[in-house]
Amino acid sequence: MPNEALARRYATAIFQLASEAGEVEGIGSDLHTFVATLAADEDVNRFFRSPAVDRAEKAAVIAGAFDRLHEIALHAILLLVARSRL
């Protein structure tokens, strides 16, 4: 499963950054909040999963709506958007 291996690499990198910052629980909570937000509304989920919506537009919406997330969590999410891995 190449997607699983790739997801594991991203997760490992995020965990290492969170560990170094001493913010594992906070960053984990922020990532769960983001995922829960996507899951809670089908229109929001469809917007972020749509290949027709430009990545820059998705990133702008995330940066504006989730600006209170920990910097590591926010940048990880924006990286996933930039690489079409959301």
PDB file of N, CA and C in Angstrom:
ATOM      1  N   MET A   1       0.825  -1.181   0.000  1.00  0.00           N
ATOM      2  CA  MET A   1       0.000   0.000   0.000  1.00  0.00           C
ATOM      3  C   MET A   1       0.875   1.252   0.000  1.00  0.00           C
ATOM      4  N   PRO A   2       1.108   1.812  -1.154  1.00  0.00           N
ATOM      5  CA  PRO A   2       1.971   2.993  -1.223  1.00  0.00           C
ATOM      6  C   PRO A   2       1.393   4.195  -0.474  1.00  0.00           C
ATOM      7  N   ASN A   3       0.076   4.387  -0.475  1.00  0.00           N
ATOM      8  CA  ASN A   3      -0.510   5.517   0.244  1.00  0.00           C
ATOM      9  C   ASN A   3      -0.313   5.390   1.747  1.00  0.00           C
ATOM     10  N   GLU A   4      -0.383   4.169   2.248  1.00  0.00           N
ATOM     11  CA  GLU A   4      -0.179   3.945   3.670  1.00  0.00           C
ATOM     12  C   GLU A   4       1.270   4.244   4.062  1.00  0.00           C
ATOM     13  N   ALA A   5       2.205   3.830   3.226  1.00  0.00           N
ATOM     14  CA  ALA A   5       3.621   4.097   3.500  1.00  0.00           C
ATOM     15  C   ALA A   5       3.901   5.598   3.460  1.00  0.00           C
ATOM     16  N   LEU A   6       3.304   6.278   2.511  1.00  0.00           N
ATOM     17  CA  LEU A   6       3.490   7.721   2.402  1.00  0.00           C
ATOM     18  C   LEU A   6       2.867   8.430   3.602  1.00  0.00           C
ATOM     19  N   ALA A   7       1.674   8.011   3.990  1.00  0.00           N
ATOM     20  CA  ALA A   7       1.008   8.605   5.152  1.00  0.00           C
ATOM     21  C   ALA A   7       1.846   8.395   6.413  1.00  0.00           C
ATOM     22  N   ARG A   8       2.456   7.224   6.520  1.00  0.00           N
ATOM     23  CA  ARG A   8       3.294   6.931   7.688  1.00  0.00           C
ATOM     24  C   ARG A   8       4.499   7.872   7.730  1.00  0.00           C
ATOM     25  N   ARG A   9       5.090   8.162   6.564  1.00  0.00           N
ATOM     26  CA  ARG A   9       6.238   9.084   6.539  1.00  0.00           C
ATOM     27  C   ARG A   9       5.849  10.486   6.987  1.00  0.00           C
ATOM     28  N   TYR A  10       4.707  10.970   6.472  1.00  0.00           N
ATOM     29  CA  TYR A  10       4.226  12.295   6.896  1.00  0.00           C
ATOM     30  C   TYR A  10       3.938  12.295   8.397  1.00  0.00           C
ATOM     31  N   ALA A  11       3.254  11.267   8.877  1.00  0.00           N
ATOM     32  CA  ALA A  11       2.901  11.194  10.297  1.00  0.00           C
ATOM     33  C   ALA A  11       4.146  11.152  11.176  1.00  0.00           C
ATOM     34  N   THR A  12       5.144  10.400  10.744  1.00  0.00           N
ATOM     35  CA  THR A  12       6.387  10.300  11.515  1.00  0.00           C
ATOM     36  C   THR A  12       7.083  11.663  11.584  1.00  0.00           C
ATOM     37  N   ALA A  13       7.142  12.348  10.470  1.00  0.00           N
ATOM     38  CA  ALA A  13       7.794  13.663  10.436  1.00  0.00           C
ATOM     39  C   ALA A  13       7.055  14.661  11.320  1.00  0.00           C
ATOM     40  N   ILE A  14       5.725  14.662  11.240  1.00  0.00           N
ATOM     41  CA  ILE A  14       4.936  15.574  12.071  1.00  0.00           C
ATOM     42  C   ILE A  14       5.126  15.240  13.546  1.00  0.00           C
ATOM     43  N   PHE A  15       5.123  13.960  13.868  1.00  0.00           N
ATOM     44  CA  PHE A  15       5.319  13.548  15.263  1.00  0.00           C
ATOM     45  C   PHE A  15       6.691  13.983  15.773  1.00  0.00           C
ATOM     46  N   GLN A  16       7.723  13.834  14.958  1.00  0.00           N
ATOM     47  CA  GLN A  16       9.063  14.246  15.377  1.00  0.00           C
ATOM     48  C   GLN A  16       9.118  15.746  15.649  1.00  0.00           C
ATOM     49  N   LEU A  17       8.524  16.528  14.753  1.00  0.00           N
ATOM     50  CA  LEU A  17       8.496  17.981  14.958  1.00  0.00           C
ATOM     51  C   LEU A  17       7.719  18.336  16.231  1.00  0.00           C
ATOM     52  N   ALA A  18       6.589  17.669  16.428  1.00  0.00           N
ATOM     53  CA  ALA A  18       5.779  17.927  17.618  1.00  0.00           C
ATOM     54  C   ALA A  18       6.533  17.533  18.885  1.00  0.00           C
ATOM     55  N   SER A  19       7.253  16.414  18.831  1.00  0.00           N
ATOM     56  CA  SER A  19       8.049  15.966  19.982  1.00  0.00           C
ATOM     57  C   SER A  19       9.142  16.970  20.314  1.00  0.00           C
ATOM     58  N   GLU A  20       9.834  17.437  19.288  1.00  0.00           N
ATOM     59  CA  GLU A  20      10.905  18.415  19.500  1.00  0.00           C
ATOM     60  C   GLU A  20      10.371  19.711  20.104  1.00  0.00           C
ATOM     61  N   ALA A  21       9.135  20.061  19.725  1.00  0.00           N
ATOM     62  CA  ALA A  21       8.526  21.280  20.252  1.00  0.00           C
ATOM     63  C   ALA A  21       7.857  21.051  21.603  1.00  0.00           C
ATOM     64  N   GLY A  22       7.781  19.793  22.039  1.00  0.00           N
ATOM     65  CA  GLY A  22       7.109  19.479  23.293  1.00  0.00           C
ATOM     66  C   GLY A  22       5.609  19.703  23.224  1.00  0.00           C
ATOM     67  N   GLU A  23       5.036  19.529  22.044  1.00  0.00           N
ATOM     68  CA  GLU A  23       3.624  19.834  21.814  1.00  0.00           C
ATOM     69  C   GLU A  23       2.865  18.682  21.171  1.00  0.00           C
ATOM     70  N   VAL A  24       3.236  17.449  21.479  1.00  0.00           N
ATOM     71  CA  VAL A  24       2.611  16.290  20.822  1.00  0.00           C
ATOM     72  C   VAL A  24       1.100  16.306  21.013  1.00  0.00           C
ATOM     73  N   GLU A  25       0.635  16.478  22.237  1.00  0.00           N
ATOM     74  CA  GLU A  25      -0.809  16.438  22.491  1.00  0.00           C
ATOM     75  C   GLU A  25      -1.530  17.604  21.826  1.00  0.00           C
ATOM     76  N   GLY A  26      -0.981  18.787  21.915  1.00  0.00           N
ATOM     77  CA  GLY A  26      -1.624  19.966  21.327  1.00  0.00           C
ATOM     78  C   GLY A  26      -1.710  19.885  19.816  1.00  0.00           C
ATOM     79  N   ILE A  27      -0.620  19.480  19.196  1.00  0.00           N
ATOM     80  CA  ILE A  27      -0.601  19.377  17.742  1.00  0.00           C
ATOM     81  C   ILE A  27      -1.511  18.236  17.290  1.00  0.00           C
ATOM     82  N   GLY A  28      -1.484  17.132  18.014  1.00  0.00           N
ATOM     83  CA  GLY A  28      -2.388  16.030  17.703  1.00  0.00           C
ATOM     84  C   GLY A  28      -3.841  16.466  17.798  1.00  0.00           C
ATOM     85  N   SER A  29      -4.152  17.230  18.827  1.00  0.00           N
ATOM     86  CA  SER A  29      -5.511  17.742  19.004  1.00  0.00           C
ATOM     87  C   SER A  29      -5.899  18.671  17.859  1.00  0.00           C
ATOM     88  N   ASP A  30      -4.967  19.532  17.451  1.00  0.00           N
ATOM     89  CA  ASP A  30      -5.242  20.447  16.341  1.00  0.00           C
ATOM     90  C   ASP A  30      -5.504  19.686  15.041  1.00  0.00           C
ATOM     91  N   LEU A  31      -4.733  18.650  14.791  1.00  0.00           N
ATOM     92  CA  LEU A  31      -4.930  17.857  13.579  1.00  0.00           C
ATOM     93  C   LEU A  31      -6.271  17.131  13.626  1.00  0.00           C
ATOM     94  N   HIS A  32      -6.632  16.623  14.792  1.00  0.00           N
ATOM     95  CA  HIS A  32      -7.937  15.968  14.939  1.00  0.00           C
ATOM     96  C   HIS A  32      -9.073  16.970  14.736  1.00  0.00           C
ATOM     97  N   THR A  33      -8.898  18.173  15.227  1.00  0.00           N
ATOM     98  CA  THR A  33      -9.904  19.221  15.031  1.00  0.00           C
ATOM     99  C   THR A  33     -10.112  19.500  13.555  1.00  0.00           C
ATOM    100  N   PHE A  34      -9.016  19.599  12.811  1.00  0.00           N
ATOM    101  CA  PHE A  34      -9.109  19.847  11.377  1.00  0.00           C
ATOM    102  C   PHE A  34      -9.853  18.717  10.674  1.00  0.00           C
ATOM    103  N   VAL A  35      -9.479  17.491  10.977  1.00  0.00           N
ATOM    104  CA  VAL A  35     -10.117  16.323  10.345  1.00  0.00           C
ATOM    105  C   VAL A  35     -11.599  16.268  10.717  1.00  0.00           C
ATOM    106  N   ALA A  36     -11.918  16.531  11.972  1.00  0.00           N
ATOM    107  CA  ALA A  36     -13.315  16.516  12.410  1.00  0.00           C
ATOM    108  C   ALA A  36     -14.128  17.589  11.694  1.00  0.00           C
ATOM    109  N   THR A  37     -13.520  18.727  11.454  1.00  0.00           N
ATOM    110  CA  THR A  37     -14.201  19.802  10.734  1.00  0.00           C
ATOM    111  C   THR A  37     -14.526  19.365   9.307  1.00  0.00           C
ATOM    112  N   LEU A  38     -13.581  18.713   8.659  1.00  0.00           N
ATOM    113  CA  LEU A  38     -13.830  18.215   7.305  1.00  0.00           C
ATOM    114  C   LEU A  38     -14.936  17.165   7.309  1.00  0.00           C
ATOM    115  N   ALA A  39     -14.921  16.302   8.302  1.00  0.00           N
ATOM    116  CA  ALA A  39     -15.897  15.210   8.361  1.00  0.00           C
ATOM    117  C   ALA A  39     -17.288  15.700   8.741  1.00  0.00           C
ATOM    118  N   ALA A  40     -17.377  16.823   9.437  1.00  0.00           N
ATOM    119  CA  ALA A  40     -18.661  17.292   9.963  1.00  0.00           C
ATOM    120  C   ALA A  40     -19.574  17.875   8.893  1.00  0.00           C
ATOM    121  N   ASP A  41     -19.020  18.341   7.801  1.00  0.00           N
ATOM    122  CA  ASP A  41     -19.836  19.003   6.779  1.00  0.00           C
ATOM    123  C   ASP A  41     -19.461  18.462   5.405  1.00  0.00           C
ATOM    124  N   GLU A  42     -20.406  17.860   4.746  1.00  0.00           N
ATOM    125  CA  GLU A  42     -20.145  17.241   3.440  1.00  0.00           C
ATOM    126  C   GLU A  42     -19.703  18.268   2.401  1.00  0.00           C
ATOM    127  N   ASP A  43     -20.261  19.478   2.438  1.00  0.00           N
ATOM    128  CA  ASP A  43     -19.863  20.511   1.476  1.00  0.00           C
ATOM    129  C   ASP A  43     -18.409  20.933   1.691  1.00  0.00           C
ATOM    130  N   VAL A  44     -18.015  21.070   2.943  1.00  0.00           N
ATOM    131  CA  VAL A  44     -16.627  21.420   3.263  1.00  0.00           C
ATOM    132  C   VAL A  44     -15.700  20.298   2.803  1.00  0.00           C
ATOM    133  N   ASN A  45     -16.077  19.079   3.093  1.00  0.00           N
ATOM    134  CA  ASN A  45     -15.279  17.921   2.685  1.00  0.00           C
ATOM    135  C   ASN A  45     -15.135  17.878   1.166  1.00  0.00           C
ATOM    136  N   ARG A  46     -16.231  18.070   0.469  1.00  0.00           N
ATOM    137  CA  ARG A  46     -16.208  18.046  -1.000  1.00  0.00           C
ATOM    138  C   ARG A  46     -15.309  19.157  -1.563  1.00  0.00           C
ATOM    139  N   PHE A  47     -15.369  20.353  -0.957  1.00  0.00           N
ATOM    140  CA  PHE A  47     -14.535  21.473  -1.401  1.00  0.00           C
ATOM    141  C   PHE A  47     -13.054  21.101  -1.327  1.00  0.00           C
ATOM    142  N   PHE A  48     -12.634  20.549  -0.190  1.00  0.00           N
ATOM    143  CA  PHE A  48     -11.216  20.244  -0.008  1.00  0.00           C
ATOM    144  C   PHE A  48     -10.753  19.028  -0.791  1.00  0.00           C
ATOM    145  N   ARG A  49     -11.642  18.138  -1.125  1.00  0.00           N
ATOM    146  CA  ARG A  49     -11.264  16.949  -1.888  1.00  0.00           C
ATOM    147  C   ARG A  49     -11.383  17.148  -3.403  1.00  0.00           C
ATOM    148  N   SER A  50     -12.013  18.225  -3.810  1.00  0.00           N
ATOM    149  CA  SER A  50     -12.251  18.451  -5.230  1.00  0.00           C
ATOM    150  C   SER A  50     -10.963  18.815  -5.979  1.00  0.00           C
ATOM    151  N   PRO A  51     -10.661  18.096  -7.049  1.00  0.00           N
ATOM    152  CA  PRO A  51      -9.495  18.460  -7.863  1.00  0.00           C
ATOM    153  C   PRO A  51      -9.749  19.725  -8.691  1.00  0.00           C
ATOM    154  N   ALA A  52     -11.021  20.128  -8.799  1.00  0.00           N
ATOM    155  CA  ALA A  52     -11.360  21.323  -9.571  1.00  0.00           C
ATOM    156  C   ALA A  52     -11.032  22.616  -8.820  1.00  0.00           C
ATOM    157  N   VAL A  53     -10.912  22.517  -7.501  1.00  0.00           N
ATOM    158  CA  VAL A  53     -10.581  23.687  -6.686  1.00  0.00           C
ATOM    159  C   VAL A  53      -9.062  23.799  -6.613  1.00  0.00           C
ATOM    160  N   ASP A  54      -8.562  24.971  -6.952  1.00  0.00           N
ATOM    161  CA  ASP A  54      -7.120  25.222  -6.969  1.00  0.00           C
ATOM    162  C   ASP A  54      -6.515  25.048  -5.573  1.00  0.00           C
ATOM    163  N   ARG A  55      -5.319  24.472  -5.536  1.00  0.00           N
ATOM    164  CA  ARG A  55      -4.630  24.259  -4.253  1.00  0.00           C
ATOM    165  C   ARG A  55      -4.384  25.563  -3.505  1.00  0.00           C
ATOM    166  N   ALA A  56      -4.089  26.618  -4.237  1.00  0.00           N
ATOM    167  CA  ALA A  56      -3.849  27.916  -3.595  1.00  0.00           C
ATOM    168  C   ALA A  56      -5.116  28.421  -2.913  1.00  0.00           C
ATOM    169  N   GLU A  57      -6.258  28.183  -3.527  1.00  0.00           N
ATOM    170  CA  GLU A  57      -7.529  28.584  -2.920  1.00  0.00           C
ATOM    171  C   GLU A  57      -7.799  27.776  -1.656  1.00  0.00           C
ATOM    172  N   LYS A  58      -7.543  26.476  -1.715  1.00  0.00           N
ATOM    173  CA  LYS A  58      -7.714  25.626  -0.535  1.00  0.00           C
ATOM    174  C   LYS A  58      -6.797  26.093   0.586  1.00  0.00           C
ATOM    175  N   ALA A  59      -5.544  26.386   0.251  1.00  0.00           N
ATOM    176  CA  ALA A  59      -4.575  26.833   1.253  1.00  0.00           C
ATOM    177  C   ALA A  59      -5.004  28.153   1.881  1.00  0.00           C
ATOM    178  N   ALA A  60      -5.527  29.062   1.076  1.00  0.00           N
ATOM    179  CA  ALA A  60      -5.975  30.354   1.596  1.00  0.00           C
ATOM    180  C   ALA A  60      -7.142  30.179   2.564  1.00  0.00           C
ATOM    181  N   VAL A  61      -8.068  29.295   2.227  1.00  0.00           N
ATOM    182  CA  VAL A  61      -9.207  29.042   3.106  1.00  0.00           C
ATOM    183  C   VAL A  61      -8.722  28.429   4.426  1.00  0.00           C
ATOM    184  N   ILE A  62      -7.828  27.473   4.334  1.00  0.00           N
ATOM    185  CA  ILE A  62      -7.301  26.829   5.544  1.00  0.00           C
ATOM    186  C   ILE A  62      -6.546  27.829   6.408  1.00  0.00           C
ATOM    187  N   ALA A  63      -5.679  28.611   5.779  1.00  0.00           N
ATOM    188  CA  ALA A  63      -4.881  29.583   6.533  1.00  0.00           C
ATOM    189  C   ALA A  63      -5.773  30.589   7.253  1.00  0.00           C
ATOM    190  N   GLY A  64      -6.875  30.969   6.627  1.00  0.00           N
ATOM    191  CA  GLY A  64      -7.784  31.920   7.256  1.00  0.00           C
ATOM    192  C   GLY A  64      -8.663  31.301   8.325  1.00  0.00           C
ATOM    193  N   ALA A  65      -9.182  30.118   8.039  1.00  0.00           N
ATOM    194  CA  ALA A  65     -10.136  29.483   8.951  1.00  0.00           C
ATOM    195  C   ALA A  65      -9.467  28.789  10.133  1.00  0.00           C
ATOM    196  N   PHE A  66      -8.232  28.354   9.939  1.00  0.00           N
ATOM    197  CA  PHE A  66      -7.553  27.575  10.982  1.00  0.00           C
ATOM    198  C   PHE A  66      -6.294  28.268  11.488  1.00  0.00           C
ATOM    199  N   ASP A  67      -6.301  29.581  11.492  1.00  0.00           N
ATOM    200  CA  ASP A  67      -5.114  30.341  11.882  1.00  0.00           C
ATOM    201  C   ASP A  67      -4.755  30.184  13.357  1.00  0.00           C
ATOM    202  N   ARG A  68      -5.649  29.608  14.159  1.00  0.00           N
ATOM    203  CA  ARG A  68      -5.355  29.418  15.582  1.00  0.00           C
ATOM    204  C   ARG A  68      -4.706  28.068  15.883  1.00  0.00           C
ATOM    205  N   LEU A  69      -4.553  27.250  14.858  1.00  0.00           N
ATOM    206  CA  LEU A  69      -3.874  25.971  15.055  1.00  0.00           C
ATOM    207  C   LEU A  69      -2.400  26.221  15.357  1.00  0.00           C
ATOM    208  N   HIS A  70      -1.786  25.279  16.029  1.00  0.00           N
ATOM    209  CA  HIS A  70      -0.347  25.356  16.269  1.00  0.00           C
ATOM    210  C   HIS A  70       0.355  25.468  14.915  1.00  0.00           C
ATOM    211  N   GLU A  71       1.415  26.221  14.880  1.00  0.00           N
ATOM    212  CA  GLU A  71       2.148  26.478  13.641  1.00  0.00           C
ATOM    213  C   GLU A  71       2.556  25.174  12.932  1.00  0.00           C
ATOM    214  N   ILE A  72       2.997  24.192  13.667  1.00  0.00           N
ATOM    215  CA  ILE A  72       3.411  22.921  13.061  1.00  0.00           C
ATOM    216  C   ILE A  72       2.208  22.219  12.428  1.00  0.00           C
ATOM    217  N   ALA A  73       1.081  22.198  13.114  1.00  0.00           N
ATOM    218  CA  ALA A  73      -0.119  21.561  12.563  1.00  0.00           C
ATOM    219  C   ALA A  73      -0.582  22.290  11.309  1.00  0.00           C
ATOM    220  N   LEU A  74      -0.629  23.603  11.375  1.00  0.00           N
ATOM    221  CA  LEU A  74      -1.073  24.384  10.219  1.00  0.00           C
ATOM    222  C   LEU A  74      -0.161  24.183   9.022  1.00  0.00           C
ATOM    223  N   HIS A  75       1.140  24.237   9.238  1.00  0.00           N
ATOM    224  CA  HIS A  75       2.084  24.059   8.128  1.00  0.00           C
ATOM    225  C   HIS A  75       2.037  22.637   7.572  1.00  0.00           C
ATOM    226  N   ALA A  76       1.806  21.668   8.427  1.00  0.00           N
ATOM    227  CA  ALA A  76       1.677  20.287   7.951  1.00  0.00           C
ATOM    228  C   ALA A  76       0.457  20.159   7.042  1.00  0.00           C
ATOM    229  N   ILE A  77      -0.656  20.738   7.461  1.00  0.00           N
ATOM    230  CA  ILE A  77      -1.872  20.690   6.645  1.00  0.00           C
ATOM    231  C   ILE A  77      -1.655  21.420   5.325  1.00  0.00           C
ATOM    232  N   LEU A  78      -1.033  22.582   5.380  1.00  0.00           N
ATOM    233  CA  LEU A  78      -0.777  23.343   4.147  1.00  0.00           C
ATOM    234  C   LEU A  78       0.175  22.585   3.219  1.00  0.00           C
ATOM    235  N   LEU A  79       1.140  21.868   3.777  1.00  0.00           N
ATOM    236  CA  LEU A  79       2.030  21.050   2.962  1.00  0.00           C
ATOM    237  C   LEU A  79       1.251  19.936   2.269  1.00  0.00           C
ATOM    238  N   LEU A  80       0.354  19.306   3.010  1.00  0.00           N
ATOM    239  CA  LEU A  80      -0.466  18.248   2.421  1.00  0.00           C
ATOM    240  C   LEU A  80      -1.342  18.796   1.296  1.00  0.00           C
ATOM    241  N   VAL A  81      -1.861  19.997   1.460  1.00  0.00           N
ATOM    242  CA  VAL A  81      -2.652  20.619   0.403  1.00  0.00           C
ATOM    243  C   VAL A  81      -1.773  20.910  -0.814  1.00  0.00           C
ATOM    244  N   ALA A  82      -0.604  21.481  -0.570  1.00  0.00           N
ATOM    245  CA  ALA A  82       0.297  21.836  -1.666  1.00  0.00           C
ATOM    246  C   ALA A  82       0.716  20.620  -2.484  1.00  0.00           C
ATOM    247  N   ARG A  83       0.796  19.472  -1.819  1.00  0.00           N
ATOM    248  CA  ARG A  83       1.230  18.264  -2.504  1.00  0.00           C
ATOM    249  C   ARG A  83       0.058  17.351  -2.899  1.00  0.00           C
ATOM    250  N   SER A  84      -1.152  17.893  -2.794  1.00  0.00           N
ATOM    251  CA  SER A  84      -2.377  17.139  -3.128  1.00  0.00           C
ATOM    252  C   SER A  84      -2.467  15.832  -2.351  1.00  0.00           C
ATOM    253  N   ARG A  85      -2.177  15.907  -1.072  1.00  0.00           N
ATOM    254  CA  ARG A  85      -2.202  14.719  -0.219  1.00  0.00           C
ATOM    255  C   ARG A  85      -3.279  14.827   0.868  1.00  0.00           C
ATOM    256  N   LEU A  86      -4.135  15.822   0.775  1.00  0.00           N
ATOM    257  CA  LEU A  86      -5.127  16.035   1.820  1.00  0.00           C
ATOM    258  C   LEU A  86      -6.095  14.871   1.880  1.00  0.00           C
TER     259      LEU A  86
END
